[in-house]
Amino acid sequence: MKITLTRRVVAIAAGLLLAATSTQAGVRVVNCDEGDSLQAAIDAGAGSAKNIEIDVFGTCEEDIRITRNGVLIVGDGATVIDGDVRLFNAGATLENLNFTGSSDGLRIIHSRARLRFVNVFGNAGYGIGVSQNGMLVCISCRIEYNVEQGVVLDNGSARLRNTIIEHNGGEGILVTNNGSLDLDGGQVNYHENGAGILATHSSSLKLSDTHIGWADTAGILLGLGSAGSMVNSHVNANANTGVVLENNSAFEVFGGGISWNGQYGALVQSHSTLNIIGAGVDQNGAHGIVVEHDGALFARDGARVFDNWAGDGVQIECRDKESSILLDGPVVDNPSTDVNCPDRDF
């Protein structure tokens, strides 16, 4: 009786072990410098539900298509994939890889992609594109020197952590058509043909502990019914204006600052609203904040608008009677001279 029971326990344990190992295929090793194909290694798992893990080395000059879930591709930090990379209805994790090529970098279409320690650089189109409800998670990545935008979220979403987006030909990040961006840490800098971050067509932003700067237009531009918030972040040294809100958009700033921009710290226009809580707006080239075309500004809880360099000394300017402001506390040094708004309220 004891022998029979023991055999049953052993059989059950063996069965569980077999079931567990059957869901995970063995690690495949691809060395592109020796003629191996990364796409062939991905395709070898076609028709199976097993997860695929691939360790890849060298420079892979090929287009890559991923059309299934459970794909893990890991490089050694020097691994380069030189070609178009597309995910369709897929789920993949990519680590310690470099992507470059003659078209867009990574295109994530109705898929989920998790990137860690990934560099996307020198692509002839944008760096990363997410569309059709796709989802990108990017941790400690670099996205730079792409001919068009760094990241495009077109009805897609992204969570970027400690990621640097710099020196791209268009906007650093374009969020459009109900796209969503959650950016924590890192930098969005040096964009010469667009805003650092542009959100439009009912899209949303959530920024924290981030620096946005050195764009040739605005650091952040929200338009066409978009909304967002910025926490303990800085929008500095953009050639024109730090933050622009237009066409029924709204933005909240908690802490941090908007400084050293070439023209205004913030421009709020066409039925848009800016809410500043405990943040500083200073050292900008003209007025600190301009409100026009039925725009609205609310500043409170330690918000400060000061030392901006408008020739008339005005720190906050309303340009029509339809626009309005509400200042709670010593937002400016001298309300009688620093604020020029009809029907203003302090």
C-alpha atoms as a PDB file:
ATOM      1  CA  MET A   1       0.000   0.000   0.000  1.00  0.00           C
ATOM      2  CA  LYS A   2       2.840   2.392   0.894  1.00  0.00           C
ATOM      3  CA  ILE A   3       4.684   1.493  -2.330  1.00  0.00           C
ATOM      4  CA  THR A   4       1.602   2.223  -4.411  1.00  0.00           C
ATOM      5  CA  LEU A   5       1.101   5.599  -2.724  1.00  0.00           C
ATOM      6  CA  THR A   6       4.736   6.540  -3.239  1.00  0.00           C
ATOM      7  CA  ARG A   7       4.554   5.642  -6.930  1.00  0.00           C
ATOM      8  CA  ARG A   8       1.472   7.791  -7.324  1.00  0.00           C
ATOM      9  CA  VAL A   9       3.179  10.793  -5.683  1.00  0.00           C
ATOM     10  CA  VAL A  10       6.230  10.383  -7.910  1.00  0.00           C
ATOM     11  CA  ALA A  11       4.053  10.064 -11.009  1.00  0.00           C
ATOM     12  CA  ILE A  12       2.090  13.196 -10.126  1.00  0.00           C
ATOM     13  CA  ALA A  13       5.295  15.179  -9.468  1.00  0.00           C
ATOM     14  CA  ALA A  14       6.782  14.031 -12.764  1.00  0.00           C
ATOM     15  CA  GLY A  15       3.627  15.022 -14.582  1.00  0.00           C
ATOM     16  CA  LEU A  16       3.644  18.492 -13.056  1.00  0.00           C
ATOM     17  CA  LEU A  17       7.302  18.955 -13.958  1.00  0.00           C
ATOM     18  CA  LEU A  18       6.637  17.839 -17.525  1.00  0.00           C
ATOM     19  CA  ALA A  19       3.683  20.236 -17.819  1.00  0.00           C
ATOM     20  CA  ALA A  20       5.762  23.138 -16.521  1.00  0.00           C
ATOM     21  CA  THR A  21       8.694  22.506 -18.832  1.00  0.00           C
ATOM     22  CA  SER A  22       6.449  21.979 -21.840  1.00  0.00           C
ATOM     23  CA  THR A  23       5.258  25.608 -21.676  1.00  0.00           C
ATOM     24  CA  GLN A  24       8.799  26.956 -22.072  1.00  0.00           C
ATOM     25  CA  ALA A  25      10.937  26.051 -25.039  1.00  0.00           C
ATOM     26  CA  GLY A  26      14.702  25.860 -24.643  1.00  0.00           C
ATOM     27  CA  VAL A  27      16.804  28.997 -25.088  1.00  0.00           C
ATOM     28  CA  ARG A  28      17.830  29.497 -28.689  1.00  0.00           C
ATOM     29  CA  VAL A  29      21.194  31.147 -29.403  1.00  0.00           C
ATOM     30  CA  VAL A  30      21.557  33.284 -32.529  1.00  0.00           C
ATOM     31  CA  ASN A  31      24.888  34.715 -33.667  1.00  0.00           C
ATOM     32  CA  CYS A  32      24.199  36.929 -36.664  1.00  0.00           C
ATOM     33  CA  ASP A  33      27.905  37.507 -37.256  1.00  0.00           C
ATOM     34  CA  GLU A  34      28.168  33.773 -37.960  1.00  0.00           C
ATOM     35  CA  GLY A  35      25.266  33.778 -40.412  1.00  0.00           C
ATOM     36  CA  ASP A  36      22.408  32.846 -38.070  1.00  0.00           C
ATOM     37  CA  SER A  37      18.972  34.381 -38.676  1.00  0.00           C
ATOM     38  CA  LEU A  38      16.997  35.934 -35.845  1.00  0.00           C
ATOM     39  CA  GLN A  39      13.782  35.717 -37.877  1.00  0.00           C
ATOM     40  CA  ALA A  40      14.339  32.000 -38.430  1.00  0.00           C
ATOM     41  CA  ALA A  41      14.693  31.479 -34.689  1.00  0.00           C
ATOM     42  CA  ILE A  42      11.405  33.337 -34.090  1.00  0.00           C
ATOM     43  CA  ASP A  43       9.638  31.352 -36.820  1.00  0.00           C
ATOM     44  CA  ALA A  44      10.874  28.055 -35.375  1.00  0.00           C
ATOM     45  CA  GLY A  45       8.245  28.424 -32.662  1.00  0.00           C
ATOM     46  CA  ALA A  46       5.367  28.931 -35.101  1.00  0.00           C
ATOM     47  CA  GLY A  47       2.239  26.948 -34.290  1.00  0.00           C
ATOM     48  CA  SER A  48       3.287  26.353 -30.674  1.00  0.00           C
ATOM     49  CA  ALA A  49       2.019  27.981 -27.502  1.00  0.00           C
ATOM     50  CA  LYS A  50       5.396  27.638 -25.823  1.00  0.00           C
ATOM     51  CA  ASN A  51       7.264  30.754 -24.809  1.00  0.00           C
ATOM     52  CA  ILE A  52      10.317  31.526 -26.918  1.00  0.00           C
ATOM     53  CA  GLU A  53      13.580  32.823 -25.464  1.00  0.00           C
ATOM     54  CA  ILE A  54      16.350  33.879 -27.828  1.00  0.00           C
ATOM     55  CA  ASP A  55      19.837  35.100 -26.941  1.00  0.00           C
ATOM     56  CA  VAL A  56      21.170  37.068 -29.897  1.00  0.00           C
ATOM     57  CA  PHE A  57      24.664  38.365 -30.664  1.00  0.00           C
ATOM     58  CA  GLY A  58      26.325  40.380 -33.401  1.00  0.00           C
ATOM     59  CA  THR A  59      24.694  42.551 -36.073  1.00  0.00           C
ATOM     60  CA  CYS A  60      21.508  41.176 -37.622  1.00  0.00           C
ATOM     61  CA  GLU A  61      20.824  42.807 -40.985  1.00  0.00           C
ATOM     62  CA  GLU A  62      17.268  41.608 -41.540  1.00  0.00           C
ATOM     63  CA  ASP A  63      13.654  42.656 -41.153  1.00  0.00           C
ATOM     64  CA  ILE A  64      11.931  41.141 -38.136  1.00  0.00           C
ATOM     65  CA  ARG A  65       8.266  40.203 -37.746  1.00  0.00           C
ATOM     66  CA  ILE A  66       6.788  39.038 -34.426  1.00  0.00           C
ATOM     67  CA  THR A  67       3.196  37.797 -34.608  1.00  0.00           C
ATOM     68  CA  ARG A  68       2.754  35.779 -31.413  1.00  0.00           C
ATOM     69  CA  ASN A  69       2.903  36.159 -27.644  1.00  0.00           C
ATOM     70  CA  GLY A  70       5.536  34.915 -25.262  1.00  0.00           C
ATOM     71  CA  VAL A  71       8.655  36.109 -27.119  1.00  0.00           C
ATOM     72  CA  LEU A  72      11.777  37.132 -25.183  1.00  0.00           C
ATOM     73  CA  ILE A  73      14.796  38.397 -27.132  1.00  0.00           C
ATOM     74  CA  VAL A  74      17.922  39.298 -25.169  1.00  0.00           C
ATOM     75  CA  GLY A  75      21.126  40.802 -26.522  1.00  0.00           C
ATOM     76  CA  ASP A  76      24.455  41.493 -24.873  1.00  0.00           C
ATOM     77  CA  GLY A  77      24.245  45.299 -25.041  1.00  0.00           C
ATOM     78  CA  ALA A  78      26.266  45.450 -28.278  1.00  0.00           C
ATOM     79  CA  THR A  79      23.742  43.476 -30.343  1.00  0.00           C
ATOM     80  CA  VAL A  80      22.386  45.478 -33.300  1.00  0.00           C
ATOM     81  CA  ILE A  81      19.254  44.745 -35.328  1.00  0.00           C
ATOM     82  CA  ASP A  82      19.585  46.680 -38.577  1.00  0.00           C
ATOM     83  CA  GLY A  83      16.191  46.446 -40.261  1.00  0.00           C
ATOM     84  CA  ASP A  84      12.455  46.982 -39.871  1.00  0.00           C
ATOM     85  CA  VAL A  85      10.982  45.468 -36.709  1.00  0.00           C
ATOM     86  CA  ARG A  86       7.217  44.922 -36.564  1.00  0.00           C
ATOM     87  CA  LEU A  87       4.943  43.439 -33.908  1.00  0.00           C
ATOM     88  CA  PHE A  88       1.426  42.452 -35.043  1.00  0.00           C
ATOM     89  CA  ASN A  89      -1.064  41.137 -32.457  1.00  0.00           C
ATOM     90  CA  ALA A  90       1.915  40.039 -30.406  1.00  0.00           C
ATOM     91  CA  GLY A  91       3.503  40.216 -26.980  1.00  0.00           C
ATOM     92  CA  ALA A  92       7.278  40.493 -26.649  1.00  0.00           C
ATOM     93  CA  THR A  93      10.057  41.534 -24.274  1.00  0.00           C
ATOM     94  CA  LEU A  94      13.239  42.986 -25.784  1.00  0.00           C
ATOM     95  CA  GLU A  95      16.338  43.572 -23.667  1.00  0.00           C
ATOM     96  CA  ASN A  96      19.879  44.908 -24.158  1.00  0.00           C
ATOM     97  CA  LEU A  97      19.384  45.522 -27.886  1.00  0.00           C
ATOM     98  CA  ASN A  98      20.107  48.292 -30.400  1.00  0.00           C
ATOM     99  CA  PHE A  99      17.710  49.020 -33.288  1.00  0.00           C
ATOM    100  CA  THR A 100      18.528  50.996 -36.410  1.00  0.00           C
ATOM    101  CA  GLY A 101      17.496  50.874 -40.053  1.00  0.00           C
ATOM    102  CA  SER A 102      16.403  52.481 -43.303  1.00  0.00           C
ATOM    103  CA  SER A 103      12.752  52.906 -42.281  1.00  0.00           C
ATOM    104  CA  ASP A 104      10.946  53.268 -38.940  1.00  0.00           C
ATOM    105  CA  GLY A 105      12.559  51.573 -35.959  1.00  0.00           C
ATOM    106  CA  LEU A 106       9.979  49.521 -34.049  1.00  0.00           C
ATOM    107  CA  ARG A 107       6.317  49.429 -35.023  1.00  0.00           C
ATOM    108  CA  ILE A 108       4.006  48.033 -32.337  1.00  0.00           C
ATOM    109  CA  ILE A 109       0.554  47.366 -33.824  1.00  0.00           C
ATOM    110  CA  HIS A 110      -2.201  46.066 -31.542  1.00  0.00           C
ATOM    111  CA  SER A 111       0.607  44.493 -29.533  1.00  0.00           C
ATOM    112  CA  ARG A 112       2.380  44.715 -26.196  1.00  0.00           C
ATOM    113  CA  ALA A 113       6.102  45.334 -26.016  1.00  0.00           C
ATOM    114  CA  ARG A 114       8.349  45.652 -22.980  1.00  0.00           C
ATOM    115  CA  LEU A 115      11.798  47.141 -23.611  1.00  0.00           C
ATOM    116  CA  ARG A 116      14.680  47.245 -21.121  1.00  0.00           C
ATOM    117  CA  PHE A 117      18.063  48.826 -21.808  1.00  0.00           C
ATOM    118  CA  VAL A 118      17.191  49.264 -25.474  1.00  0.00           C
ATOM    119  CA  ASN A 119      18.617  51.923 -27.823  1.00  0.00           C
ATOM    120  CA  VAL A 120      16.639  53.015 -30.897  1.00  0.00           C
ATOM    121  CA  PHE A 121      18.754  55.302 -33.044  1.00  0.00           C
ATOM    122  CA  GLY A 122      19.466  56.505 -36.561  1.00  0.00           C
ATOM    123  CA  ASN A 123      16.295  55.199 -38.191  1.00  0.00           C
ATOM    124  CA  ALA A 124      15.159  56.877 -41.429  1.00  0.00           C
ATOM    125  CA  GLY A 125      11.618  57.283 -40.049  1.00  0.00           C
ATOM    126  CA  TYR A 126      10.487  57.545 -36.433  1.00  0.00           C
ATOM    127  CA  GLY A 127      12.106  55.598 -33.611  1.00  0.00           C
ATOM    128  CA  ILE A 128       9.120  53.752 -32.087  1.00  0.00           C
ATOM    129  CA  GLY A 129       5.491  53.791 -33.222  1.00  0.00           C
ATOM    130  CA  VAL A 130       2.576  52.385 -31.205  1.00  0.00           C
ATOM    131  CA  SER A 131      -0.888  52.131 -32.797  1.00  0.00           C
ATOM    132  CA  GLN A 132      -4.244  50.347 -32.704  1.00  0.00           C
ATOM    133  CA  ASN A 133      -4.420  50.164 -28.905  1.00  0.00           C
ATOM    134  CA  GLY A 134      -0.864  48.912 -28.675  1.00  0.00           C
ATOM    135  CA  MET A 135       1.067  49.243 -25.398  1.00  0.00           C
ATOM    136  CA  LEU A 136       4.740  50.055 -24.881  1.00  0.00           C
ATOM    137  CA  VAL A 137       6.714  49.848 -21.655  1.00  0.00           C
ATOM    138  CA  CYS A 138      10.226  51.247 -21.952  1.00  0.00           C
ATOM    139  CA  ILE A 139      12.657  51.113 -19.022  1.00  0.00           C
ATOM    140  CA  SER A 140      16.080  52.779 -19.165  1.00  0.00           C
ATOM    141  CA  CYS A 141      15.995  53.194 -22.941  1.00  0.00           C
ATOM    142  CA  ARG A 142      17.546  55.740 -25.325  1.00  0.00           C
ATOM    143  CA  ILE A 143      15.648  56.941 -28.405  1.00  0.00           C
ATOM    144  CA  GLU A 144      17.735  59.390 -30.390  1.00  0.00           C
ATOM    145  CA  TYR A 145      18.914  60.694 -33.771  1.00  0.00           C
ATOM    146  CA  ASN A 146      15.938  59.303 -35.691  1.00  0.00           C
ATOM    147  CA  VAL A 147      15.011  61.297 -38.801  1.00  0.00           C
ATOM    148  CA  GLU A 148      11.378  61.824 -37.738  1.00  0.00           C
ATOM    149  CA  GLN A 149       9.807  61.677 -34.251  1.00  0.00           C
ATOM    150  CA  GLY A 150      11.379  59.757 -31.413  1.00  0.00           C
ATOM    151  CA  VAL A 151       8.112  58.098 -30.291  1.00  0.00           C
ATOM    152  CA  VAL A 152       4.682  58.186 -31.975  1.00  0.00           C
ATOM    153  CA  LEU A 153       1.607  57.083 -30.004  1.00  0.00           C
ATOM    154  CA  ASP A 154      -1.296  57.000 -32.475  1.00  0.00           C
ATOM    155  CA  ASN A 155      -4.207  55.517 -30.550  1.00  0.00           C
ATOM    156  CA  GLY A 156      -1.545  53.730 -28.539  1.00  0.00           C
ATOM    157  CA  SER A 157      -0.099  54.127 -25.049  1.00  0.00           C
ATOM    158  CA  ALA A 158       3.318  54.115 -23.460  1.00  0.00           C
ATOM    159  CA  ARG A 159       4.864  54.004 -20.009  1.00  0.00           C
ATOM    160  CA  LEU A 160       8.432  55.303 -20.162  1.00  0.00           C
ATOM    161  CA  ARG A 161      10.706  55.042 -17.134  1.00  0.00           C
ATOM    162  CA  ASN A 162      14.146  56.702 -16.882  1.00  0.00           C
ATOM    163  CA  THR A 163      14.282  56.964 -20.651  1.00  0.00           C
ATOM    164  CA  ILE A 164      16.174  59.579 -22.690  1.00  0.00           C
ATOM    165  CA  ILE A 165      14.651  60.906 -25.923  1.00  0.00           C
ATOM    166  CA  GLU A 166      16.966  63.343 -27.686  1.00  0.00           C
ATOM    167  CA  HIS A 167      18.055  64.788 -31.040  1.00  0.00           C
ATOM    168  CA  ASN A 168      15.192  63.398 -33.139  1.00  0.00           C
ATOM    169  CA  GLY A 169      14.217  65.202 -36.341  1.00  0.00           C
ATOM    170  CA  GLY A 170      10.561  65.811 -35.431  1.00  0.00           C
ATOM    171  CA  GLU A 171       8.876  65.963 -32.049  1.00  0.00           C
ATOM    172  CA  GLY A 172      10.476  64.015 -29.272  1.00  0.00           C
ATOM    173  CA  ILE A 173       7.105  62.381 -28.533  1.00  0.00           C
ATOM    174  CA  LEU A 174       3.910  62.730 -30.582  1.00  0.00           C
ATOM    175  CA  VAL A 175       0.703  61.574 -28.865  1.00  0.00           C
ATOM    176  CA  THR A 176      -2.416  61.636 -31.038  1.00  0.00           C
ATOM    177  CA  ASN A 177      -5.879  60.144 -31.603  1.00  0.00           C
ATOM    178  CA  ASN A 178      -6.645  59.238 -27.983  1.00  0.00           C
ATOM    179  CA  GLY A 179      -3.071  58.262 -27.313  1.00  0.00           C
ATOM    180  CA  SER A 180      -1.715  58.160 -23.765  1.00  0.00           C
ATOM    181  CA  LEU A 181       1.757  58.879 -22.372  1.00  0.00           C
ATOM    182  CA  ASP A 182       2.997  58.168 -18.831  1.00  0.00           C
ATOM    183  CA  LEU A 183       6.558  59.495 -18.508  1.00  0.00           C
ATOM    184  CA  ASP A 184       8.501  59.123 -15.257  1.00  0.00           C
ATOM    185  CA  GLY A 185      12.118  60.220 -15.045  1.00  0.00           C
ATOM    186  CA  GLY A 186      14.453  60.780 -17.964  1.00  0.00           C
ATOM    187  CA  GLN A 187      14.703  63.597 -20.485  1.00  0.00           C
ATOM    188  CA  VAL A 188      13.109  64.847 -23.707  1.00  0.00           C
ATOM    189  CA  ASN A 189      15.654  67.265 -25.167  1.00  0.00           C
ATOM    190  CA  TYR A 190      17.157  68.849 -28.290  1.00  0.00           C
ATOM    191  CA  HIS A 191      14.421  68.656 -30.931  1.00  0.00           C
ATOM    192  CA  GLU A 192      15.012  71.119 -33.744  1.00  0.00           C
ATOM    193  CA  ASN A 193      11.879  70.637 -35.878  1.00  0.00           C
ATOM    194  CA  GLY A 194       9.043  70.296 -33.412  1.00  0.00           C
ATOM    195  CA  ALA A 195       7.941  70.349 -29.810  1.00  0.00           C
ATOM    196  CA  GLY A 196       9.513  68.207 -27.151  1.00  0.00           C
ATOM    197  CA  ILE A 197       6.089  66.615 -26.517  1.00  0.00           C
ATOM    198  CA  LEU A 198       3.033  67.240 -28.711  1.00  0.00           C
ATOM    199  CA  ALA A 199      -0.340  65.842 -27.582  1.00  0.00           C
ATOM    200  CA  THR A 200      -3.347  66.333 -29.846  1.00  0.00           C
ATOM    201  CA  HIS A 201      -6.788  64.963 -30.753  1.00  0.00           C
ATOM    202  CA  SER A 202      -8.050  64.043 -27.262  1.00  0.00           C
ATOM    203  CA  SER A 203      -4.805  62.566 -25.997  1.00  0.00           C
ATOM    204  CA  SER A 204      -3.403  62.559 -22.459  1.00  0.00           C
ATOM    205  CA  LEU A 205      -0.084  63.108 -20.689  1.00  0.00           C
ATOM    206  CA  LYS A 206       1.192  62.238 -17.248  1.00  0.00           C
ATOM    207  CA  LEU A 207       4.713  63.487 -16.562  1.00  0.00           C
ATOM    208  CA  SER A 208       6.784  63.229 -13.406  1.00  0.00           C
ATOM    209  CA  ASP A 209      10.418  63.919 -12.473  1.00  0.00           C
ATOM    210  CA  THR A 210      11.239  64.682 -16.092  1.00  0.00           C
ATOM    211  CA  HIS A 211      13.133  67.406 -17.948  1.00  0.00           C
ATOM    212  CA  ILE A 212      11.805  68.730 -21.273  1.00  0.00           C
ATOM    213  CA  GLY A 213      14.023  71.253 -23.020  1.00  0.00           C
ATOM    214  CA  TRP A 214      15.851  72.723 -26.004  1.00  0.00           C
ATOM    215  CA  ALA A 215      13.040  72.259 -28.538  1.00  0.00           C
ATOM    216  CA  ASP A 216      12.778  74.772 -31.385  1.00  0.00           C
ATOM    217  CA  THR A 217       9.086  75.493 -30.695  1.00  0.00           C
ATOM    218  CA  ALA A 218       7.396  74.547 -27.420  1.00  0.00           C
ATOM    219  CA  GLY A 219       8.628  72.194 -24.760  1.00  0.00           C
ATOM    220  CA  ILE A 220       5.067  70.825 -24.337  1.00  0.00           C
ATOM    221  CA  LEU A 221       2.123  71.551 -26.649  1.00  0.00           C
ATOM    222  CA  LEU A 222      -1.416  70.280 -25.994  1.00  0.00           C
ATOM    223  CA  GLY A 223      -4.178  70.803 -28.529  1.00  0.00           C
ATOM    224  CA  LEU A 224      -7.595  69.698 -29.726  1.00  0.00           C
ATOM    225  CA  GLY A 225      -9.108  68.609 -26.445  1.00  0.00           C
ATOM    226  CA  SER A 226      -6.042  67.035 -24.874  1.00  0.00           C
ATOM    227  CA  ALA A 227      -5.226  67.035 -21.166  1.00  0.00           C
ATOM    228  CA  GLY A 228      -2.380  66.234 -18.845  1.00  0.00           C
ATOM    229  CA  SER A 229      -0.413  66.832 -15.668  1.00  0.00           C
ATOM    230  CA  MET A 230       3.211  67.445 -14.759  1.00  0.00           C
ATOM    231  CA  VAL A 231       4.670  66.677 -11.310  1.00  0.00           C
ATOM    232  CA  ASN A 232       8.100  67.826 -10.095  1.00  0.00           C
ATOM    233  CA  SER A 233       9.271  68.306 -13.663  1.00  0.00           C
ATOM    234  CA  HIS A 234      10.964  71.142 -15.540  1.00  0.00           C
ATOM    235  CA  VAL A 235      10.309  72.674 -18.953  1.00  0.00           C
ATOM    236  CA  ASN A 236      13.400  74.759 -19.640  1.00  0.00           C
ATOM    237  CA  ALA A 237      15.392  76.483 -22.380  1.00  0.00           C
ATOM    238  CA  ASN A 238      13.055  75.900 -25.299  1.00  0.00           C
ATOM    239  CA  ALA A 239      13.543  78.326 -28.171  1.00  0.00           C
ATOM    240  CA  ASN A 240       9.984  79.643 -28.067  1.00  0.00           C
ATOM    241  CA  THR A 241       7.484  78.865 -25.279  1.00  0.00           C
ATOM    242  CA  GLY A 242       7.660  76.366 -22.447  1.00  0.00           C
ATOM    243  CA  VAL A 243       4.034  75.140 -22.382  1.00  0.00           C
ATOM    244  CA  VAL A 244       1.358  75.889 -25.012  1.00  0.00           C
ATOM    245  CA  LEU A 245      -2.311  74.982 -24.503  1.00  0.00           C
ATOM    246  CA  GLU A 246      -4.843  75.484 -27.295  1.00  0.00           C
ATOM    247  CA  ASN A 247      -8.255  74.377 -28.534  1.00  0.00           C
ATOM    248  CA  ASN A 248     -10.012  73.223 -25.356  1.00  0.00           C
ATOM    249  CA  SER A 249      -7.034  71.614 -23.675  1.00  0.00           C
ATOM    250  CA  ALA A 250      -6.110  71.499 -19.981  1.00  0.00           C
ATOM    251  CA  PHE A 251      -2.874  71.058 -18.057  1.00  0.00           C
ATOM    252  CA  GLU A 252      -1.947  70.915 -14.363  1.00  0.00           C
ATOM    253  CA  VAL A 253       1.531  71.664 -13.030  1.00  0.00           C
ATOM    254  CA  PHE A 254       2.459  70.450  -9.529  1.00  0.00           C
ATOM    255  CA  GLY A 255       5.867  71.614  -8.331  1.00  0.00           C
ATOM    256  CA  GLY A 256       8.901  71.915 -10.579  1.00  0.00           C
ATOM    257  CA  GLY A 257       9.181  74.861 -12.906  1.00  0.00           C
ATOM    258  CA  ILE A 258       8.974  76.492 -16.338  1.00  0.00           C
ATOM    259  CA  SER A 259      12.084  78.592 -16.896  1.00  0.00           C
ATOM    260  CA  TRP A 260      14.580  80.038 -19.371  1.00  0.00           C
ATOM    261  CA  ASN A 261      12.350  79.661 -22.427  1.00  0.00           C
ATOM    262  CA  GLY A 262      12.922  82.084 -25.288  1.00  0.00           C
ATOM    263  CA  GLN A 263       9.503  83.713 -25.232  1.00  0.00           C
ATOM    264  CA  TYR A 264       6.730  82.878 -22.745  1.00  0.00           C
ATOM    265  CA  GLY A 265       6.760  80.436 -19.915  1.00  0.00           C
ATOM    266  CA  ALA A 266       3.207  79.392 -20.835  1.00  0.00           C
ATOM    267  CA  LEU A 267       0.663  80.414 -23.470  1.00  0.00           C
ATOM    268  CA  VAL A 268      -2.964  79.512 -22.718  1.00  0.00           C
ATOM    269  CA  GLN A 269      -5.452  80.144 -25.509  1.00  0.00           C
ATOM    270  CA  SER A 270      -8.715  79.180 -27.212  1.00  0.00           C
ATOM    271  CA  HIS A 271     -10.795  77.884 -24.294  1.00  0.00           C
ATOM    272  CA  SER A 272      -7.900  76.099 -22.580  1.00  0.00           C
ATOM    273  CA  THR A 273      -7.024  76.017 -18.874  1.00  0.00           C
ATOM    274  CA  LEU A 274      -3.729  75.997 -16.982  1.00  0.00           C
ATOM    275  CA  ASN A 275      -3.658  75.127 -13.268  1.00  0.00           C
ATOM    276  CA  ILE A 276      -0.355  75.769 -11.446  1.00  0.00           C
ATOM    277  CA  ILE A 277       0.151  74.483  -7.911  1.00  0.00           C
ATOM    278  CA  GLY A 278       3.411  75.142  -6.077  1.00  0.00           C
ATOM    279  CA  ALA A 279       5.477  75.618  -9.255  1.00  0.00           C
ATOM    280  CA  GLY A 280       7.695  78.460 -10.427  1.00  0.00           C
ATOM    281  CA  VAL A 281       7.515  80.288 -13.772  1.00  0.00           C
ATOM    282  CA  ASP A 282      10.573  82.497 -14.077  1.00  0.00           C
ATOM    283  CA  GLN A 283      13.459  83.758 -16.222  1.00  0.00           C
ATOM    284  CA  ASN A 284      11.507  83.436 -19.486  1.00  0.00           C
ATOM    285  CA  GLY A 285      12.275  85.835 -22.344  1.00  0.00           C
ATOM    286  CA  ALA A 286       8.967  87.723 -22.312  1.00  0.00           C
ATOM    287  CA  HIS A 287       5.868  87.364 -20.112  1.00  0.00           C
ATOM    288  CA  GLY A 288       5.744  84.500 -17.658  1.00  0.00           C
ATOM    289  CA  ILE A 289       2.192  83.511 -18.664  1.00  0.00           C
ATOM    290  CA  VAL A 290      -0.080  84.814 -21.431  1.00  0.00           C
ATOM    291  CA  VAL A 291      -3.823  84.029 -21.443  1.00  0.00           C
ATOM    292  CA  GLU A 292      -5.946  84.804 -24.512  1.00  0.00           C
ATOM    293  CA  HIS A 293      -9.025  83.824 -26.558  1.00  0.00           C
ATOM    294  CA  ASP A 294     -11.082  82.742 -23.531  1.00  0.00           C
ATOM    295  CA  GLY A 295      -8.200  80.978 -21.815  1.00  0.00           C
ATOM    296  CA  ALA A 296      -8.049  80.543 -18.028  1.00  0.00           C
ATOM    297  CA  LEU A 297      -5.257  80.457 -15.455  1.00  0.00           C
ATOM    298  CA  PHE A 298      -5.468  79.237 -11.846  1.00  0.00           C
ATOM    299  CA  ALA A 299      -2.368  79.622  -9.642  1.00  0.00           C
ATOM    300  CA  ARG A 300      -2.255  78.675  -5.965  1.00  0.00           C
ATOM    301  CA  ASP A 301      -0.525  76.906  -3.080  1.00  0.00           C
ATOM    302  CA  GLY A 302       2.894  78.451  -3.499  1.00  0.00           C
ATOM    303  CA  ALA A 303       2.854  79.015  -7.247  1.00  0.00           C
ATOM    304  CA  ARG A 304       5.181  81.859  -8.283  1.00  0.00           C
ATOM    305  CA  VAL A 305       5.445  83.867 -11.506  1.00  0.00           C
ATOM    306  CA  PHE A 306       8.395  86.236 -11.246  1.00  0.00           C
ATOM    307  CA  ASP A 307      11.597  87.596 -12.841  1.00  0.00           C
ATOM    308  CA  ASN A 308      10.396  87.110 -16.415  1.00  0.00           C
ATOM    309  CA  TRP A 309      11.852  89.573 -18.887  1.00  0.00           C
ATOM    310  CA  ALA A 310       8.928  91.261 -20.644  1.00  0.00           C
ATOM    311  CA  GLY A 311       9.838  94.817 -21.615  1.00  0.00           C
ATOM    312  CA  ASP A 312       6.858  96.244 -19.746  1.00  0.00           C
ATOM    313  CA  GLY A 313       7.565  94.169 -16.650  1.00  0.00           C
ATOM    314  CA  VAL A 314       4.218  92.351 -16.828  1.00  0.00           C
ATOM    315  CA  GLN A 315       4.497  88.811 -15.526  1.00  0.00           C
ATOM    316  CA  ILE A 316       0.953  87.611 -16.334  1.00  0.00           C
ATOM    317  CA  GLU A 317      -0.964  89.090 -19.260  1.00  0.00           C
ATOM    318  CA  CYS A 318      -4.570  88.614 -20.377  1.00  0.00           C
ATOM    319  CA  ARG A 319      -5.152  89.727 -23.939  1.00  0.00           C
ATOM    320  CA  ASP A 320      -8.951  89.868 -24.021  1.00  0.00           C
ATOM    321  CA  LYS A 321     -11.860  90.293 -21.640  1.00  0.00           C
ATOM    322  CA  GLU A 322     -13.037  86.722 -22.194  1.00  0.00           C
ATOM    323  CA  SER A 323      -9.869  85.333 -20.610  1.00  0.00           C
ATOM    324  CA  SER A 324      -9.574  85.089 -16.843  1.00  0.00           C
ATOM    325  CA  ILE A 325      -7.186  84.354 -14.010  1.00  0.00           C
ATOM    326  CA  LEU A 326      -7.494  83.419 -10.365  1.00  0.00           C
ATOM    327  CA  LEU A 327      -4.433  83.934  -8.163  1.00  0.00           C
ATOM    328  CA  ASP A 328      -4.495  82.561  -4.622  1.00  0.00           C
ATOM    329  CA  GLY A 329      -1.602  83.841  -2.522  1.00  0.00           C
ATOM    330  CA  PRO A 330       1.502  85.881  -3.439  1.00  0.00           C
ATOM    331  CA  VAL A 331       1.856  84.473  -6.952  1.00  0.00           C
ATOM    332  CA  VAL A 332       3.499  87.690  -8.214  1.00  0.00           C
ATOM    333  CA  ASP A 333       5.579  90.282  -6.368  1.00  0.00           C
ATOM    334  CA  ASN A 334       3.351  93.287  -7.121  1.00  0.00           C
ATOM    335  CA  PRO A 335      -0.173  92.552  -8.427  1.00  0.00           C
ATOM    336  CA  SER A 336      -0.791  96.154  -9.502  1.00  0.00           C
ATOM    337  CA  THR A 337       2.100  96.135 -11.989  1.00  0.00           C
ATOM    338  CA  ASP A 338       2.924  92.470 -12.578  1.00  0.00           C
ATOM    339  CA  VAL A 339      -0.554  91.481 -13.778  1.00  0.00           C
ATOM    340  CA  ASN A 340      -2.373  93.004 -16.743  1.00  0.00           C
ATOM    341  CA  CYS A 341      -5.789  91.369 -16.983  1.00  0.00           C
ATOM    342  CA  PRO A 342      -9.291  92.841 -17.257  1.00  0.00           C
ATOM    343  CA  ASP A 343     -11.535  91.812 -14.354  1.00  0.00           C
ATOM    344  CA  ARG A 344      -8.631  90.069 -12.679  1.00  0.00           C
ATOM    345  CA  ASP A 345      -9.081  88.343  -9.348  1.00  0.00           C
ATOM    346  CA  PHE A 346      -6.361  87.992  -6.678  1.00  0.00           C
END
